[in-house]
Amino acid sequence: MKLREVNHVIKYHELFFFFIVDNNVRVLKIGEEQAPIFIGILNRKHISFEEKDGLFNIYKYLKRKK
């Protein structure tokens, strides 16, 4: 996976969900200490990013996106 293939990223606690160009989702666990550095990289690459604090169901989110 290359960052140029990523359309959107959602952070839920320590999990980052990457929405890839070919409609795949990849999940990466990043510690809270490294998260600000990684978010800075996403901002520099102009990749849309959102953070979910409450309950988050990835299955329902994907169904809504279709």
N, C-alpha and C. Protein backbone atom coordinates (compact mmCIF):
# COMPACT_ATOMS: atom_id res chain seq x y z
N MET A 1 0.85 -1.18 0.00
CA MET A 1 0.00 0.00 0.00
C MET A 1 0.89 1.24 0.00
N LYS A 2 0.62 2.15 -0.92
CA LYS A 2 1.33 3.41 -0.98
C LYS A 2 0.38 4.53 -0.60
N LEU A 3 0.91 5.58 0.01
CA LEU A 3 0.04 6.68 0.46
C LEU A 3 -0.72 7.32 -0.69
N ARG A 4 -0.17 7.31 -1.88
CA ARG A 4 -0.90 7.93 -3.00
C ARG A 4 -2.15 7.14 -3.39
N GLU A 5 -2.26 5.88 -2.93
CA GLU A 5 -3.44 5.07 -3.20
C GLU A 5 -4.54 5.27 -2.16
N VAL A 6 -4.25 5.99 -1.09
CA VAL A 6 -5.19 6.17 0.02
C VAL A 6 -6.11 7.36 -0.25
N ASN A 7 -7.42 7.13 -0.15
CA ASN A 7 -8.40 8.20 -0.33
C ASN A 7 -8.76 8.90 0.97
N HIS A 8 -8.89 8.10 2.03
CA HIS A 8 -9.43 8.61 3.28
C HIS A 8 -8.90 7.76 4.43
N VAL A 9 -8.72 8.37 5.60
CA VAL A 9 -8.26 7.64 6.79
C VAL A 9 -9.16 8.02 7.96
N ILE A 10 -9.57 7.01 8.73
CA ILE A 10 -10.34 7.22 9.96
C ILE A 10 -9.53 6.66 11.12
N LYS A 11 -9.39 7.47 12.17
CA LYS A 11 -8.71 7.02 13.38
C LYS A 11 -9.76 6.72 14.43
N TYR A 12 -9.68 5.52 14.99
CA TYR A 12 -10.56 5.10 16.07
C TYR A 12 -9.67 4.50 17.15
N HIS A 13 -9.46 5.26 18.20
CA HIS A 13 -8.52 4.91 19.27
C HIS A 13 -7.13 4.70 18.66
N GLU A 14 -6.57 3.51 18.75
CA GLU A 14 -5.24 3.26 18.18
C GLU A 14 -5.30 2.66 16.78
N LEU A 15 -6.49 2.48 16.24
CA LEU A 15 -6.63 1.87 14.92
C LEU A 15 -6.83 2.94 13.86
N PHE A 16 -6.11 2.78 12.76
CA PHE A 16 -6.26 3.65 11.60
C PHE A 16 -6.83 2.81 10.46
N PHE A 17 -7.98 3.22 9.94
CA PHE A 17 -8.61 2.53 8.81
C PHE A 17 -8.27 3.30 7.54
N PHE A 18 -7.61 2.64 6.61
CA PHE A 18 -7.21 3.25 5.35
C PHE A 18 -8.17 2.80 4.26
N PHE A 19 -8.81 3.76 3.60
CA PHE A 19 -9.70 3.46 2.48
C PHE A 19 -8.90 3.66 1.20
N ILE A 20 -8.67 2.54 0.51
CA ILE A 20 -7.77 2.50 -0.64
C ILE A 20 -8.57 2.73 -1.93
N VAL A 21 -7.89 3.17 -2.97
CA VAL A 21 -8.50 3.49 -4.26
C VAL A 21 -9.35 2.34 -4.80
N ASP A 22 -8.92 1.11 -4.67
CA ASP A 22 -9.65 -0.03 -5.24
C ASP A 22 -10.72 -0.58 -4.30
N ASN A 23 -11.31 0.27 -3.44
CA ASN A 23 -12.39 -0.06 -2.52
C ASN A 23 -12.02 -1.10 -1.47
N ASN A 24 -10.76 -1.15 -1.11
CA ASN A 24 -10.32 -2.00 -0.01
C ASN A 24 -10.12 -1.16 1.23
N VAL A 25 -10.14 -1.83 2.38
CA VAL A 25 -9.88 -1.16 3.65
C VAL A 25 -8.72 -1.90 4.32
N ARG A 26 -7.75 -1.15 4.76
CA ARG A 26 -6.63 -1.72 5.52
C ARG A 26 -6.64 -1.11 6.91
N VAL A 27 -6.25 -1.89 7.89
CA VAL A 27 -6.24 -1.42 9.28
C VAL A 27 -4.82 -1.51 9.80
N LEU A 28 -4.41 -0.44 10.47
CA LEU A 28 -3.08 -0.37 11.05
C LEU A 28 -3.20 0.14 12.47
N LYS A 29 -2.53 -0.52 13.39
CA LYS A 29 -2.54 -0.07 14.79
C LYS A 29 -1.30 0.76 15.03
N ILE A 30 -1.52 2.01 15.45
CA ILE A 30 -0.43 2.94 15.73
C ILE A 30 -0.61 3.45 17.15
N GLY A 31 0.45 3.41 17.92
CA GLY A 31 0.40 3.86 19.31
C GLY A 31 0.06 5.34 19.42
N GLU A 32 -0.46 5.74 20.56
CA GLU A 32 -0.87 7.13 20.77
C GLU A 32 0.31 8.10 20.69
N GLU A 33 1.51 7.65 20.99
CA GLU A 33 2.67 8.54 20.92
C GLU A 33 3.06 8.83 19.48
N GLN A 34 2.91 7.85 18.58
CA GLN A 34 3.28 8.03 17.18
C GLN A 34 2.14 8.61 16.34
N ALA A 35 0.92 8.59 16.85
CA ALA A 35 -0.24 9.04 16.07
C ALA A 35 -0.11 10.49 15.59
N PRO A 36 0.31 11.46 16.41
CA PRO A 36 0.43 12.84 15.91
C PRO A 36 1.41 12.98 14.75
N ILE A 37 2.48 12.22 14.80
CA ILE A 37 3.46 12.25 13.70
C ILE A 37 2.83 11.72 12.43
N PHE A 38 2.10 10.62 12.55
CA PHE A 38 1.47 10.02 11.39
C PHE A 38 0.37 10.92 10.83
N ILE A 39 -0.40 11.56 11.70
CA ILE A 39 -1.44 12.48 11.24
C ILE A 39 -0.82 13.66 10.50
N GLY A 40 0.32 14.12 10.96
CA GLY A 40 1.04 15.19 10.26
C GLY A 40 1.43 14.77 8.85
N ILE A 41 1.85 13.54 8.68
CA ILE A 41 2.20 13.03 7.34
C ILE A 41 0.96 13.02 6.46
N LEU A 42 -0.18 12.57 7.00
CA LEU A 42 -1.42 12.56 6.22
C LEU A 42 -1.80 13.97 5.78
N ASN A 43 -1.66 14.94 6.66
CA ASN A 43 -1.98 16.33 6.32
C ASN A 43 -1.07 16.86 5.23
N ARG A 44 0.22 16.55 5.32
CA ARG A 44 1.17 17.02 4.29
C ARG A 44 0.87 16.40 2.93
N LYS A 45 0.36 15.18 2.93
CA LYS A 45 0.03 14.49 1.68
C LYS A 45 -1.39 14.81 1.20
N HIS A 46 -2.11 15.67 1.94
CA HIS A 46 -3.48 16.10 1.60
C HIS A 46 -4.44 14.91 1.52
N ILE A 47 -4.33 14.00 2.47
CA ILE A 47 -5.24 12.85 2.57
C ILE A 47 -6.28 13.19 3.63
N SER A 48 -7.56 13.05 3.26
CA SER A 48 -8.62 13.40 4.20
C SER A 48 -8.56 12.47 5.41
N PHE A 49 -8.81 13.06 6.57
CA PHE A 49 -8.65 12.35 7.83
C PHE A 49 -9.75 12.76 8.78
N GLU A 50 -10.30 11.78 9.49
CA GLU A 50 -11.26 12.09 10.55
C GLU A 50 -11.01 11.17 11.73
N GLU A 51 -11.39 11.65 12.90
CA GLU A 51 -11.19 10.90 14.12
C GLU A 51 -12.54 10.61 14.76
N LYS A 52 -12.77 9.36 15.11
CA LYS A 52 -14.02 8.93 15.74
C LYS A 52 -13.75 8.68 17.21
N ASP A 53 -14.51 9.33 18.08
CA ASP A 53 -14.33 9.15 19.52
C ASP A 53 -15.35 8.18 20.11
N GLY A 54 -16.59 8.26 19.63
CA GLY A 54 -17.64 7.39 20.16
C GLY A 54 -17.58 6.01 19.54
N LEU A 55 -18.66 5.28 19.68
CA LEU A 55 -18.72 3.95 19.09
C LEU A 55 -18.62 4.06 17.57
N PHE A 56 -17.90 3.14 16.97
CA PHE A 56 -17.68 3.16 15.52
C PHE A 56 -17.79 1.75 14.99
N ASN A 57 -18.69 1.56 14.04
CA ASN A 57 -18.89 0.26 13.41
C ASN A 57 -18.45 0.38 11.95
N ILE A 58 -17.33 -0.21 11.62
CA ILE A 58 -16.78 -0.09 10.26
C ILE A 58 -17.72 -0.73 9.23
N TYR A 59 -18.40 -1.80 9.59
CA TYR A 59 -19.32 -2.46 8.68
C TYR A 59 -20.46 -1.51 8.27
N LYS A 60 -21.07 -0.85 9.25
CA LYS A 60 -22.15 0.09 8.94
C LYS A 60 -21.63 1.28 8.15
N TYR A 61 -20.42 1.74 8.45
CA TYR A 61 -19.83 2.85 7.74
C TYR A 61 -19.64 2.50 6.26
N LEU A 62 -19.15 1.30 5.97
CA LEU A 62 -18.94 0.88 4.59
C LEU A 62 -20.26 0.72 3.85
N LYS A 63 -21.29 0.21 4.51
CA LYS A 63 -22.60 0.06 3.86
C LYS A 63 -23.18 1.43 3.50
N ARG A 64 -22.98 2.42 4.36
CA ARG A 64 -23.48 3.77 4.10
C ARG A 64 -22.75 4.42 2.93
N LYS A 65 -21.47 4.09 2.74
CA LYS A 65 -20.66 4.69 1.68
C LYS A 65 -21.03 4.18 0.30
N LYS A 66 -21.68 3.01 0.19
CA LYS A 66 -21.99 2.42 -1.13
C LYS A 66 -23.12 3.12 -1.80
